């Protein structure tokens, strides 16, 4: 089949904001064209001999995505335009022009894999795609294999890196961990590998739950799926469930009050804010809440929400335009 390609003309400063807005609208993949020079780390990850030529003085960018021609294009474009208007209150979106074209069918789901290569989070944690071969490995490396499918969580995004570094810093042996918005399962898997006694990953998307289970198996972790409305919580070291933690009071009750030593949430600021107020009941007194996926313009709102809900903020870490906030619960 053919796809409808929609391209937004904008600025490099607005790209992250637009990416987040499109994600909220259900767009699962985007293409970005800009003139931002690659960092040394990005150059290493790309494994290419000829790097793209960029004009560093050119601040323009293009964000493209693809939709089924049968979709309600008019309604989608209206919401995109509304989103651009809201973003323009915080950052210049440039011309904001939108162009529409048709494109031939391609394997959009899998073509991105050629750009996902093994990389290091720090000096001891390595993320490796399941389809790649690791050529450089230190004796003490913790190697995590991931096939994210369409789920968020390759480990390469700043928000995921921030969470991984926080887990490595704060997680203690035999801690009970809740991964809220587990996606590909990468944070659950790393928590287990770092010594957590029990990990529960919860995601609203059943496809993400399936992906997380498969990734756990690839990493030789004993994991199971939990049907939260029918079965008791499984006793495997790691479990994954499909549910909405904010709207589903039953799962919050069933996972137990004062259950977890640590909760990690790599999601969006607008989800973290309401989640922080209700998930604290499931965290032990003095337990830790690690949250990322926070664009820097939302940092103050998230910190204010945590403080309002009796969290003591112990660390704020930043990477690029993204922020991680860690706080302990006081009851």
Protein backbone atom coordinates (compact mmCIF):
# COMPACT_ATOMS: atom_id res chain seq x y z
CA UNK A 1 0.00 0.00 0.00
CA UNK A 2 0.96 3.65 -0.28
CA UNK A 3 1.37 5.96 2.70
CA UNK A 4 0.60 9.64 3.15
CA UNK A 5 3.69 11.56 4.18
CA UNK A 6 3.18 14.68 6.27
CA UNK A 7 6.11 17.08 6.70
CA UNK A 8 6.28 19.99 9.15
CA UNK A 9 8.73 22.82 8.47
CA UNK A 10 10.05 24.07 11.80
CA UNK A 11 13.21 24.89 13.78
CA UNK A 12 15.78 22.64 15.43
CA UNK A 13 14.78 24.05 18.86
CA UNK A 14 11.20 22.91 18.38
CA UNK A 15 11.95 19.36 17.19
CA UNK A 16 11.81 17.70 20.63
CA UNK A 17 8.58 19.50 21.49
CA UNK A 18 6.99 18.48 18.20
CA UNK A 19 8.19 14.90 18.63
CA UNK A 20 6.49 14.74 22.01
CA UNK A 21 3.31 16.27 20.63
CA UNK A 22 3.16 13.74 17.78
CA UNK A 23 3.79 10.89 20.20
CA UNK A 24 0.81 12.08 22.25
CA UNK A 25 -1.29 11.99 19.07
CA UNK A 26 -0.40 8.34 18.52
CA UNK A 27 2.30 8.79 15.86
CA UNK A 28 4.74 5.93 16.43
CA UNK A 29 7.66 7.03 14.27
CA UNK A 30 9.05 10.23 12.80
CA UNK A 31 11.87 11.39 10.55
CA UNK A 32 13.92 14.47 11.44
CA UNK A 33 16.01 16.52 9.02
CA UNK A 34 18.04 19.32 10.58
CA UNK A 35 21.42 21.00 10.54
CA UNK A 36 22.46 20.17 14.09
CA UNK A 37 26.02 18.77 14.04
CA UNK A 38 26.44 15.22 15.30
CA UNK A 39 28.13 14.74 18.66
CA UNK A 40 31.19 12.52 18.90
CA UNK A 41 29.07 9.86 20.62
CA UNK A 42 26.49 9.95 17.82
CA UNK A 43 29.22 9.63 15.20
CA UNK A 44 30.51 6.50 16.91
CA UNK A 45 27.01 5.03 17.15
CA UNK A 46 26.27 5.62 13.45
CA UNK A 47 29.23 3.56 12.21
CA UNK A 48 29.43 5.41 8.91
CA UNK A 49 32.47 6.55 6.97
CA UNK A 50 30.92 9.62 5.30
CA UNK A 51 29.10 11.92 7.68
CA UNK A 52 26.27 14.18 6.47
CA UNK A 53 27.22 17.74 5.58
CA UNK A 54 25.35 20.31 7.66
CA UNK A 55 25.09 24.06 7.56
CA UNK A 56 25.55 25.01 11.20
CA UNK A 57 24.10 28.46 10.58
CA UNK A 58 20.83 27.03 9.31
CA UNK A 59 18.31 26.62 12.12
CA UNK A 60 15.53 25.12 10.01
CA UNK A 61 14.35 21.55 10.42
CA UNK A 62 11.76 19.19 9.00
CA UNK A 63 9.74 16.62 10.92
CA UNK A 64 7.97 13.99 8.84
CA UNK A 65 5.66 11.11 9.65
CA UNK A 66 3.53 8.63 7.73
CA UNK A 67 -0.16 7.79 8.04
CA UNK A 68 -2.57 5.43 6.37
CA UNK A 69 -4.46 7.31 3.59
CA UNK A 70 -7.65 5.85 5.06
CA UNK A 71 -7.11 7.72 8.33
CA UNK A 72 -9.03 10.90 9.16
CA UNK A 73 -6.35 13.23 7.82
CA UNK A 74 -8.36 16.43 8.30
CA UNK A 75 -8.90 15.76 12.01
CA UNK A 76 -5.26 14.78 12.52
CA UNK A 77 -3.97 17.93 10.80
CA UNK A 78 -6.23 20.09 12.93
CA UNK A 79 -4.77 18.56 16.08
CA UNK A 80 -1.24 18.95 14.73
CA UNK A 81 -1.87 22.62 14.02
CA UNK A 82 -3.31 23.11 17.52
CA UNK A 83 -0.22 21.41 18.95
CA UNK A 84 2.10 23.68 16.95
CA UNK A 85 0.22 26.72 18.22
CA UNK A 86 0.70 25.60 21.83
CA UNK A 87 4.40 24.86 21.27
CA UNK A 88 4.90 28.29 19.69
CA UNK A 89 4.16 29.84 23.08
CA UNK A 90 7.39 28.32 24.42
CA UNK A 91 9.73 28.16 21.43
CA UNK A 92 9.90 29.35 17.84
CA UNK A 93 8.34 26.79 15.50
CA UNK A 94 9.53 28.60 12.37
CA UNK A 95 7.20 28.73 9.38
CA UNK A 96 5.11 25.81 10.65
CA UNK A 97 4.22 25.00 7.05
CA UNK A 98 2.71 21.54 6.50
CA UNK A 99 3.11 19.64 3.24
CA UNK A 100 1.43 16.38 2.22
CA UNK A 101 2.63 13.81 -0.30
CA UNK A 102 2.24 10.13 -1.15
CA UNK A 103 5.07 7.66 -0.82
CA UNK A 104 5.64 4.07 -1.88
CA UNK A 105 5.26 1.24 0.60
CA UNK A 106 8.38 0.47 2.62
CA UNK A 107 9.21 -1.59 5.66
CA UNK A 108 9.05 1.39 8.03
CA UNK A 109 8.80 -0.90 11.06
CA UNK A 110 12.19 -2.52 10.45
CA UNK A 111 14.27 -0.13 8.36
CA UNK A 112 15.36 1.83 11.45
CA UNK A 113 17.24 -1.21 12.73
CA UNK A 114 20.26 -0.48 10.55
CA UNK A 115 20.92 2.62 12.69
CA UNK A 116 20.56 0.93 16.09
CA UNK A 117 24.05 -0.31 17.04
CA UNK A 118 25.58 -1.50 20.35
CA UNK A 119 26.52 1.39 22.64
CA UNK A 120 27.60 2.10 26.20
CA UNK A 121 25.53 3.82 28.86
CA UNK A 122 28.60 4.21 31.07
CA UNK A 123 31.80 2.27 31.70
CA UNK A 124 30.02 -0.98 32.55
CA UNK A 125 26.53 -1.12 30.97
CA UNK A 126 26.24 -1.98 27.28
CA UNK A 127 23.00 -2.01 25.27
CA UNK A 128 23.04 -4.37 22.30
CA UNK A 129 20.31 -4.90 19.71
CA UNK A 130 19.39 -8.58 19.52
CA UNK A 131 20.29 -8.69 15.82
CA UNK A 132 23.78 -7.18 16.25
CA UNK A 133 27.09 -8.81 17.26
CA UNK A 134 29.07 -7.25 20.10
CA UNK A 135 32.69 -6.88 19.01
CA UNK A 136 34.08 -5.01 22.03
CA UNK A 137 33.32 -6.29 25.53
CA UNK A 138 35.06 -5.79 28.87
CA UNK A 139 35.15 -8.65 31.39
CA UNK A 140 32.85 -6.84 33.84
CA UNK A 141 30.39 -5.46 31.29
CA UNK A 142 26.68 -5.84 31.93
CA UNK A 143 25.30 -6.49 28.45
CA UNK A 144 21.57 -5.99 27.88
CA UNK A 145 20.04 -7.25 24.63
CA UNK A 146 17.00 -5.35 23.38
CA UNK A 147 14.59 -5.57 20.48
CA UNK A 148 12.18 -2.71 21.22
CA UNK A 149 9.80 -3.48 18.35
CA UNK A 150 7.45 -0.49 18.28
CA UNK A 151 7.84 0.08 22.03
CA UNK A 152 9.76 3.02 23.47
CA UNK A 153 13.04 2.01 25.06
CA UNK A 154 16.22 1.24 23.14
CA UNK A 155 18.31 2.88 25.84
CA UNK A 156 19.73 5.41 23.39
CA UNK A 157 17.34 8.23 24.28
CA UNK A 158 18.51 10.65 26.98
CA UNK A 159 15.51 9.92 29.19
CA UNK A 160 16.24 6.19 29.27
CA UNK A 161 19.93 6.79 29.91
CA UNK A 162 19.07 9.07 32.84
CA UNK A 163 16.87 6.36 34.36
CA UNK A 164 19.50 3.66 33.87
CA UNK A 165 22.16 5.78 35.57
CA UNK A 166 19.79 6.51 38.45
CA UNK A 167 18.95 2.80 38.85
CA UNK A 168 22.63 1.96 38.97
CA UNK A 169 23.19 4.64 41.60
CA UNK A 170 20.25 4.01 43.93
CA UNK A 171 19.02 0.44 43.50
CA UNK A 172 20.01 -1.86 46.36
CA UNK A 173 20.28 -5.62 46.38
CA UNK A 174 16.89 -7.38 46.69
CA UNK A 175 14.90 -4.17 46.26
CA UNK A 176 11.34 -4.51 45.00
CA UNK A 177 10.93 -2.38 41.87
CA UNK A 178 7.94 -1.10 39.89
CA UNK A 179 8.62 0.01 36.32
CA UNK A 180 5.70 2.29 35.43
CA UNK A 181 5.37 2.48 31.66
CA UNK A 182 7.76 -0.38 31.03
CA UNK A 183 7.74 -0.24 27.21
CA UNK A 184 10.38 -2.61 25.82
CA UNK A 185 11.19 -3.73 29.37
CA UNK A 186 14.69 -2.32 29.30
CA UNK A 187 14.53 -0.69 32.75
CA UNK A 188 12.90 -3.77 34.31
CA UNK A 189 15.61 -5.98 32.82
CA UNK A 190 18.42 -3.72 34.01
CA UNK A 191 16.89 -3.46 37.49
CA UNK A 192 16.80 -7.26 37.68
CA UNK A 193 20.38 -7.55 36.43
CA UNK A 194 21.50 -4.96 39.00
CA UNK A 195 20.17 -7.17 41.81
CA UNK A 196 16.52 -6.30 42.37
CA UNK A 197 14.68 -9.04 44.25
CA UNK A 198 11.41 -8.52 42.39
CA UNK A 199 10.45 -6.34 39.42
CA UNK A 200 6.98 -5.57 38.08
CA UNK A 201 6.71 -3.76 34.75
CA UNK A 202 3.36 -2.22 33.84
CA UNK A 203 2.45 -0.71 30.48
CA UNK A 204 -0.82 0.43 28.96
CA UNK A 205 0.02 -1.27 25.64
CA UNK A 206 -0.30 -5.08 25.38
CA UNK A 207 2.18 -5.08 22.49
CA UNK A 208 4.75 -3.50 24.81
CA UNK A 209 4.06 -6.18 27.40
CA UNK A 210 4.71 -8.90 24.81
CA UNK A 211 7.90 -7.15 23.70
CA UNK A 212 9.11 -6.84 27.31
CA UNK A 213 8.54 -10.54 27.96
CA UNK A 214 10.48 -11.48 24.85
CA UNK A 215 13.35 -9.18 25.80
CA UNK A 216 13.46 -10.65 29.31
CA UNK A 217 13.72 -14.13 27.81
CA UNK A 218 16.56 -13.04 25.52
CA UNK A 219 18.41 -11.79 28.61
CA UNK A 220 17.91 -15.11 30.43
CA UNK A 221 15.51 -13.62 32.98
CA UNK A 222 12.71 -15.70 34.44
CA UNK A 223 9.70 -13.49 33.69
CA UNK A 224 5.98 -14.04 33.33
CA UNK A 225 2.89 -12.12 32.28
CA UNK A 226 0.40 -11.13 34.96
CA UNK A 227 -3.28 -10.81 34.13
CA UNK A 228 -4.07 -8.31 36.86
CA UNK A 229 -7.82 -8.85 36.73
CA UNK A 230 -7.80 -12.64 36.90
CA UNK A 231 -4.70 -14.04 38.58
CA UNK A 232 -2.60 -13.46 41.67
CA UNK A 233 0.72 -11.69 41.23
CA UNK A 234 3.22 -14.26 39.84
CA UNK A 235 6.22 -15.26 41.94
CA UNK A 236 8.75 -15.10 39.10
CA UNK A 237 11.60 -12.60 39.70
CA UNK A 238 10.19 -10.35 36.95
CA UNK A 239 6.60 -9.91 35.79
CA UNK A 240 4.92 -7.70 33.21
CA UNK A 241 1.30 -6.56 33.15
CA UNK A 242 -0.93 -4.53 30.85
CA UNK A 243 -2.85 -1.86 32.76
CA UNK A 244 -3.30 1.87 33.26
CA UNK A 245 -1.76 2.67 36.64
CA UNK A 246 -3.48 6.04 36.86
CA UNK A 247 -7.00 4.95 35.95
CA UNK A 248 -6.91 1.33 37.16
CA UNK A 249 -7.34 1.43 40.93
CA UNK A 250 -7.65 -2.36 41.03
CA UNK A 251 -4.07 -2.92 39.95
CA UNK A 252 -2.78 -0.34 42.42
CA UNK A 253 -4.66 -2.21 45.15
CA UNK A 254 -3.56 -5.64 44.00
CA UNK A 255 0.15 -4.83 43.76
CA UNK A 256 0.03 -3.83 47.42
CA UNK A 257 0.31 -0.80 49.63
CA UNK A 258 3.85 0.04 50.79
CA UNK A 259 5.11 -2.68 48.43
CA UNK A 260 8.00 -1.18 46.48
CA UNK A 261 11.40 0.10 47.51
CA UNK A 262 11.75 1.90 44.18
CA UNK A 263 9.45 3.05 41.41
CA UNK A 264 10.88 4.18 38.06
CA UNK A 265 8.77 5.99 35.47
CA UNK A 266 10.24 6.94 32.11
CA UNK A 267 7.15 8.52 30.61
CA UNK A 268 5.87 12.05 29.97
CA UNK A 269 5.73 14.91 32.45
CA UNK A 270 1.97 15.21 32.07
CA UNK A 271 1.65 11.56 33.15
CA UNK A 272 4.27 11.72 35.90
CA UNK A 273 2.49 14.60 37.63
CA UNK A 274 -0.78 12.73 38.37
CA UNK A 275 1.04 9.40 38.81
CA UNK A 276 3.24 10.77 41.57
CA UNK A 277 0.22 11.53 43.73
CA UNK A 278 -1.31 8.06 43.60
CA UNK A 279 1.65 5.70 43.22
CA UNK A 280 3.20 6.89 46.49
CA UNK A 281 0.74 4.61 48.33
CA UNK A 282 2.51 1.66 46.71
CA UNK A 283 5.97 2.89 47.71
CA UNK A 284 7.44 2.09 51.10
CA UNK A 285 8.04 4.91 53.56
CA UNK A 286 11.43 6.31 52.56
CA UNK A 287 11.25 4.54 49.20
CA UNK A 288 12.43 6.16 45.99
CA UNK A 289 10.57 7.53 42.96
CA UNK A 290 12.75 8.00 39.85
CA UNK A 291 11.06 9.79 36.96
CA UNK A 292 12.23 10.95 33.55
CA UNK A 293 10.78 11.67 30.12
CA UNK A 294 10.57 15.25 31.37
CA UNK A 295 11.30 17.99 28.83
CA UNK A 296 13.20 20.80 30.55
CA UNK A 297 10.30 23.25 30.24
CA UNK A 298 8.25 20.90 32.46
CA UNK A 299 10.92 20.43 35.12
CA UNK A 300 9.51 22.93 37.61
CA UNK A 301 5.98 21.51 37.27
CA UNK A 302 7.19 17.98 38.01
CA UNK A 303 9.29 19.05 40.99
CA UNK A 304 6.38 21.07 42.38
CA UNK A 305 4.08 18.05 42.04
CA UNK A 306 6.54 15.79 43.83
CA UNK A 307 7.02 18.24 46.69
CA UNK A 308 3.25 18.71 46.99
CA UNK A 309 2.89 14.93 47.34
CA UNK A 310 5.48 14.71 50.14
CA UNK A 311 8.48 13.59 48.14
CA UNK A 312 11.87 14.89 49.18
CA UNK A 313 13.82 15.59 45.99
CA UNK A 314 17.33 14.17 46.32
CA UNK A 315 18.63 14.53 42.79
CA UNK A 316 17.92 16.32 39.53
CA UNK A 317 19.99 15.22 36.55
CA UNK A 318 19.89 16.57 33.01
CA UNK A 319 20.95 15.34 29.59
CA UNK A 320 20.30 17.46 26.54
CA UNK A 321 16.79 18.90 26.84
CA UNK A 322 15.65 16.14 29.20
CA UNK A 323 15.47 15.88 32.97
CA UNK A 324 15.44 13.12 35.60
CA UNK A 325 14.08 13.80 39.07
CA UNK A 326 14.54 11.42 42.01
CA UNK A 327 12.71 11.81 45.30
CA UNK A 328 12.05 9.81 48.45
CA UNK A 329 8.56 9.32 49.89
CA UNK A 330 7.79 10.65 53.34
CA UNK A 331 4.66 9.22 54.98
